[in-house]
Amino acid sequence: MFEILQKGNKILEKKAKEIILENISGSEIKNIISEMKDIIKNTNDAVALSSPQIGKSLRIFIVSKKIFNDEENNDHLVFINPKIIKTSKDKAWLEEGCLSVRNIYGEVERFKKTTIRAYDENGKIFTFGGSGLLAQVFQHEIDHLNGILFTDKARNIKEVLVNE
């Protein structure tokens, strides 16, 4: 099992590489996606994960179905080579944390609504829109793919120790 890289690791600071369309169906990408799904499933506070967080500098992120409060369907949404194609004009300062910056929280200014275009794990292009938490997650994960951690943009940063 891959481990989640922490702030200070150079991979988290690099812009991730686009995946060639023909390679999406290959075993390397399938294995990375499978591992990411396992990590999300086995990490209670994970709602999303980008591949740079597990040491793979590729443009992939996954959003957990936990975000939709959908206990019946435990499949996750896979976004490959995602691009934000539309945002609302309205923004808000929202509290964020990150699996790669454990126990640190801060406020980041995010668009309230976001539409994304990406490929799924079968190489099919799709468009997906979200508001509120989902829009925030989209922006947070695309920041990861661009080598940006939320702490690079955050204000009111604080440490919160969690009993594990």
C-alpha atoms as a PDB file:
ATOM      1  CA  MET A   1       0.000   0.000   0.000  1.00  0.00           C
ATOM      2  CA  PHE A   2       1.238   3.465  -0.869  1.00  0.00           C
ATOM      3  CA  GLU A   3       1.614   5.970   1.926  1.00  0.00           C
ATOM      4  CA  ILE A   4       0.321   9.520   1.746  1.00  0.00           C
ATOM      5  CA  LEU A   5       3.175  11.959   1.196  1.00  0.00           C
ATOM      6  CA  GLN A   6       3.472  14.891   3.584  1.00  0.00           C
ATOM      7  CA  LYS A   7       4.247  18.572   3.044  1.00  0.00           C
ATOM      8  CA  GLY A   8       7.912  19.028   2.237  1.00  0.00           C
ATOM      9  CA  ASN A   9       8.018  16.166  -0.269  1.00  0.00           C
ATOM     10  CA  LYS A  10       9.131  17.569  -3.645  1.00  0.00           C
ATOM     11  CA  ILE A  11       6.533  15.541  -5.617  1.00  0.00           C
ATOM     12  CA  LEU A  12       3.782  17.588  -3.948  1.00  0.00           C
ATOM     13  CA  GLU A  13       5.412  20.778  -5.264  1.00  0.00           C
ATOM     14  CA  LYS A  14       5.581  19.695  -8.923  1.00  0.00           C
ATOM     15  CA  LYS A  15       2.982  20.117 -11.641  1.00  0.00           C
ATOM     16  CA  ALA A  16       1.678  16.615 -12.424  1.00  0.00           C
ATOM     17  CA  LYS A  17       1.912  15.167 -15.948  1.00  0.00           C
ATOM     18  CA  GLU A  18      -1.060  14.686 -18.252  1.00  0.00           C
ATOM     19  CA  ILE A  19      -1.876  11.074 -19.027  1.00  0.00           C
ATOM     20  CA  ILE A  20      -1.870  10.049 -22.678  1.00  0.00           C
ATOM     21  CA  LEU A  21      -5.397   8.914 -23.542  1.00  0.00           C
ATOM     22  CA  GLU A  22      -4.288   5.448 -24.737  1.00  0.00           C
ATOM     23  CA  ASN A  23      -2.543   4.853 -21.394  1.00  0.00           C
ATOM     24  CA  ILE A  24      -5.689   5.334 -19.287  1.00  0.00           C
ATOM     25  CA  SER A  25      -6.726   1.713 -19.843  1.00  0.00           C
ATOM     26  CA  GLY A  26      -3.221   0.392 -19.097  1.00  0.00           C
ATOM     27  CA  SER A  27      -2.293  -1.609 -16.021  1.00  0.00           C
ATOM     28  CA  GLU A  28      -0.147   1.170 -14.468  1.00  0.00           C
ATOM     29  CA  ILE A  29      -3.054   3.653 -14.344  1.00  0.00           C
ATOM     30  CA  LYS A  30      -5.551   0.971 -13.283  1.00  0.00           C
ATOM     31  CA  ASN A  31      -3.252  -0.028 -10.404  1.00  0.00           C
ATOM     32  CA  ILE A  32      -2.788   3.570  -9.257  1.00  0.00           C
ATOM     33  CA  ILE A  33      -6.550   4.166  -9.307  1.00  0.00           C
ATOM     34  CA  SER A  34      -7.187   0.919  -7.427  1.00  0.00           C
ATOM     35  CA  GLU A  35      -4.642   1.863  -4.759  1.00  0.00           C
ATOM     36  CA  MET A  36      -6.146   5.349  -4.414  1.00  0.00           C
ATOM     37  CA  LYS A  37      -9.613   3.838  -3.958  1.00  0.00           C
ATOM     38  CA  ASP A  38      -8.275   1.544  -1.229  1.00  0.00           C
ATOM     39  CA  ILE A  39      -6.649   4.465   0.578  1.00  0.00           C
ATOM     40  CA  ILE A  40      -9.880   6.490   0.494  1.00  0.00           C
ATOM     41  CA  LYS A  41     -11.888   3.494   1.668  1.00  0.00           C
ATOM     42  CA  ASN A  42      -9.515   2.847   4.577  1.00  0.00           C
ATOM     43  CA  THR A  43      -8.970   6.457   5.672  1.00  0.00           C
ATOM     44  CA  ASN A  44     -11.929   7.703   7.710  1.00  0.00           C
ATOM     45  CA  ASP A  45     -11.419  11.416   7.059  1.00  0.00           C
ATOM     46  CA  ALA A  46     -10.574  11.111   3.331  1.00  0.00           C
ATOM     47  CA  VAL A  47     -13.087  12.648   0.928  1.00  0.00           C
ATOM     48  CA  ALA A  48     -10.666  12.943  -2.000  1.00  0.00           C
ATOM     49  CA  LEU A  49      -7.121  12.049  -3.014  1.00  0.00           C
ATOM     50  CA  SER A  50      -4.785  13.081  -5.824  1.00  0.00           C
ATOM     51  CA  SER A  51      -2.134  10.801  -7.282  1.00  0.00           C
ATOM     52  CA  PRO A  52       0.768  13.149  -6.345  1.00  0.00           C
ATOM     53  CA  GLN A  53      -0.204  12.506  -2.715  1.00  0.00           C
ATOM     54  CA  ILE A  54       0.836   8.864  -3.182  1.00  0.00           C
ATOM     55  CA  GLY A  55       4.015   9.729  -5.065  1.00  0.00           C
ATOM     56  CA  LYS A  56       2.656   9.467  -8.618  1.00  0.00           C
ATOM     57  CA  SER A  57       3.022  12.783 -10.437  1.00  0.00           C
ATOM     58  CA  LEU A  58       0.069  12.211 -12.773  1.00  0.00           C
ATOM     59  CA  ARG A  59      -3.121  14.225 -13.310  1.00  0.00           C
ATOM     60  CA  ILE A  60      -5.564  11.954 -11.473  1.00  0.00           C
ATOM     61  CA  PHE A  61      -7.786  12.560  -8.494  1.00  0.00           C
ATOM     62  CA  ILE A  62     -10.608  10.615  -6.905  1.00  0.00           C
ATOM     63  CA  VAL A  63     -13.594  11.901  -4.954  1.00  0.00           C
ATOM     64  CA  SER A  64     -15.152   9.556  -2.416  1.00  0.00           C
ATOM     65  CA  LYS A  65     -18.845   8.792  -2.513  1.00  0.00           C
ATOM     66  CA  LYS A  66     -18.728   9.724   1.211  1.00  0.00           C
ATOM     67  CA  ILE A  67     -19.055  13.315   0.036  1.00  0.00           C
ATOM     68  CA  PHE A  68     -22.537  12.512  -1.285  1.00  0.00           C
ATOM     69  CA  ASN A  69     -23.587  10.650   1.897  1.00  0.00           C
ATOM     70  CA  ASP A  70     -24.156   7.644  -0.353  1.00  0.00           C
ATOM     71  CA  GLU A  71     -23.464   4.583   1.791  1.00  0.00           C
ATOM     72  CA  GLU A  72     -25.119   2.195  -0.679  1.00  0.00           C
ATOM     73  CA  ASN A  73     -22.815   2.993  -3.569  1.00  0.00           C
ATOM     74  CA  ASN A  74     -19.200   2.792  -2.441  1.00  0.00           C
ATOM     75  CA  ASP A  75     -17.736   3.537  -5.853  1.00  0.00           C
ATOM     76  CA  HIS A  76     -15.689   6.696  -6.204  1.00  0.00           C
ATOM     77  CA  LEU A  77     -15.585   9.332  -8.931  1.00  0.00           C
ATOM     78  CA  VAL A  78     -12.341   9.223 -10.912  1.00  0.00           C
ATOM     79  CA  PHE A  79     -11.065  12.342 -12.694  1.00  0.00           C
ATOM     80  CA  ILE A  80      -8.174  11.991 -15.161  1.00  0.00           C
ATOM     81  CA  ASN A  81      -6.614  15.084 -16.785  1.00  0.00           C
ATOM     82  CA  PRO A  82      -9.279  17.313 -15.173  1.00  0.00           C
ATOM     83  CA  LYS A  83      -9.784  20.919 -16.190  1.00  0.00           C
ATOM     84  CA  ILE A  84     -12.019  23.503 -14.567  1.00  0.00           C
ATOM     85  CA  ILE A  85     -14.158  24.816 -17.426  1.00  0.00           C
ATOM     86  CA  LYS A  86     -16.551  27.050 -15.510  1.00  0.00           C
ATOM     87  CA  THR A  87     -16.779  28.748 -12.134  1.00  0.00           C
ATOM     88  CA  SER A  88     -19.285  30.938 -10.377  1.00  0.00           C
ATOM     89  CA  LYS A  89     -18.483  34.589  -9.850  1.00  0.00           C
ATOM     90  CA  ASP A  90     -19.148  34.177  -6.142  1.00  0.00           C
ATOM     91  CA  LYS A  91     -16.361  33.052  -3.843  1.00  0.00           C
ATOM     92  CA  ALA A  92     -16.187  32.226  -0.154  1.00  0.00           C
ATOM     93  CA  TRP A  93     -13.470  31.670   2.449  1.00  0.00           C
ATOM     94  CA  LEU A  94     -13.816  28.029   3.503  1.00  0.00           C
ATOM     95  CA  GLU A  95     -11.993  25.934   6.083  1.00  0.00           C
ATOM     96  CA  GLU A  96      -9.796  23.191   4.652  1.00  0.00           C
ATOM     97  CA  GLY A  97      -7.525  20.428   5.786  1.00  0.00           C
ATOM     98  CA  CYS A  98      -5.499  17.908   3.828  1.00  0.00           C
ATOM     99  CA  LEU A  99      -4.227  14.356   4.188  1.00  0.00           C
ATOM    100  CA  SER A 100      -0.786  15.658   3.140  1.00  0.00           C
ATOM    101  CA  VAL A 101      -0.766  18.402   5.796  1.00  0.00           C
ATOM    102  CA  ARG A 102      -2.030  16.476   8.812  1.00  0.00           C
ATOM    103  CA  ASN A 103      -3.650  18.337  11.717  1.00  0.00           C
ATOM    104  CA  ILE A 104      -3.325  21.738  10.018  1.00  0.00           C
ATOM    105  CA  TYR A 105      -6.396  23.718   8.985  1.00  0.00           C
ATOM    106  CA  GLY A 106      -6.923  27.104   7.418  1.00  0.00           C
ATOM    107  CA  GLU A 107      -9.314  29.147   5.305  1.00  0.00           C
ATOM    108  CA  VAL A 108      -8.934  29.248   1.526  1.00  0.00           C
ATOM    109  CA  GLU A 109     -10.891  31.436  -0.875  1.00  0.00           C
ATOM    110  CA  ARG A 110     -12.739  29.162  -3.322  1.00  0.00           C
ATOM    111  CA  PHE A 111     -15.386  29.552  -6.008  1.00  0.00           C
ATOM    112  CA  LYS A 112     -18.812  28.483  -4.737  1.00  0.00           C
ATOM    113  CA  LYS A 113     -19.592  26.513  -7.928  1.00  0.00           C
ATOM    114  CA  THR A 114     -17.268  24.719 -10.310  1.00  0.00           C
ATOM    115  CA  THR A 115     -17.686  22.639 -13.459  1.00  0.00           C
ATOM    116  CA  ILE A 116     -14.963  20.231 -14.444  1.00  0.00           C
ATOM    117  CA  ARG A 117     -14.208  18.255 -17.604  1.00  0.00           C
ATOM    118  CA  ALA A 118     -12.151  15.073 -17.292  1.00  0.00           C
ATOM    119  CA  TYR A 119     -11.762  11.490 -18.433  1.00  0.00           C
ATOM    120  CA  ASP A 120     -13.098   8.616 -16.360  1.00  0.00           C
ATOM    121  CA  GLU A 121     -11.132   5.438 -15.663  1.00  0.00           C
ATOM    122  CA  ASN A 122     -12.363   3.960 -18.958  1.00  0.00           C
ATOM    123  CA  GLY A 123     -11.089   6.904 -21.006  1.00  0.00           C
ATOM    124  CA  LYS A 124     -14.530   8.423 -21.582  1.00  0.00           C
ATOM    125  CA  ILE A 125     -14.722  12.215 -21.379  1.00  0.00           C
ATOM    126  CA  PHE A 126     -17.369  13.698 -19.085  1.00  0.00           C
ATOM    127  CA  THR A 127     -18.415  16.963 -17.475  1.00  0.00           C
ATOM    128  CA  PHE A 128     -19.369  17.223 -13.799  1.00  0.00           C
ATOM    129  CA  GLY A 129     -20.566  20.247 -11.868  1.00  0.00           C
ATOM    130  CA  GLY A 130     -20.576  20.826  -8.164  1.00  0.00           C
ATOM    131  CA  SER A 131     -21.322  23.451  -5.566  1.00  0.00           C
ATOM    132  CA  GLY A 132     -20.428  23.865  -1.913  1.00  0.00           C
ATOM    133  CA  LEU A 133     -18.122  21.149  -0.579  1.00  0.00           C
ATOM    134  CA  LEU A 134     -17.830  19.375  -3.931  1.00  0.00           C
ATOM    135  CA  ALA A 135     -16.713  22.570  -5.710  1.00  0.00           C
ATOM    136  CA  GLN A 136     -14.213  23.150  -2.910  1.00  0.00           C
ATOM    137  CA  VAL A 137     -12.855  19.599  -3.271  1.00  0.00           C
ATOM    138  CA  PHE A 138     -12.482  19.998  -7.058  1.00  0.00           C
ATOM    139  CA  GLN A 139     -10.414  23.155  -6.591  1.00  0.00           C
ATOM    140  CA  HIS A 140      -8.330  21.651  -3.759  1.00  0.00           C
ATOM    141  CA  GLU A 141      -7.484  18.531  -5.796  1.00  0.00           C
ATOM    142  CA  ILE A 142      -6.651  20.462  -8.983  1.00  0.00           C
ATOM    143  CA  ASP A 143      -4.356  22.617  -6.860  1.00  0.00           C
ATOM    144  CA  HIS A 144      -2.586  19.368  -5.855  1.00  0.00           C
ATOM    145  CA  LEU A 145      -2.162  18.491  -9.548  1.00  0.00           C
ATOM    146  CA  ASN A 146      -0.569  21.912 -10.052  1.00  0.00           C
ATOM    147  CA  GLY A 147       1.870  21.497  -7.148  1.00  0.00           C
ATOM    148  CA  ILE A 148      -0.058  23.762  -4.767  1.00  0.00           C
ATOM    149  CA  LEU A 149      -0.983  22.834  -1.201  1.00  0.00           C
ATOM    150  CA  PHE A 150      -3.885  24.577   0.520  1.00  0.00           C
ATOM    151  CA  THR A 151      -1.427  26.043   3.042  1.00  0.00           C
ATOM    152  CA  ASP A 152       0.169  28.003   0.171  1.00  0.00           C
ATOM    153  CA  LYS A 153      -3.107  29.981  -0.129  1.00  0.00           C
ATOM    154  CA  ALA A 154      -4.621  29.765   3.341  1.00  0.00           C
ATOM    155  CA  ARG A 155      -5.192  32.357   6.025  1.00  0.00           C
ATOM    156  CA  ASN A 156      -5.886  31.772   9.724  1.00  0.00           C
ATOM    157  CA  ILE A 157      -3.815  28.583   9.722  1.00  0.00           C
ATOM    158  CA  LYS A 158      -4.037  26.594  12.925  1.00  0.00           C
ATOM    159  CA  GLU A 159      -2.931  23.243  14.248  1.00  0.00           C
ATOM    160  CA  VAL A 160      -5.622  20.941  15.621  1.00  0.00           C
ATOM    161  CA  LEU A 161      -4.362  17.809  17.338  1.00  0.00           C
ATOM    162  CA  VAL A 162      -6.700  14.892  16.846  1.00  0.00           C
ATOM    163  CA  ASN A 163      -6.740  11.909  19.162  1.00  0.00           C
ATOM    164  CA  GLU A 164      -6.206   8.857  17.003  1.00  0.00           C
END
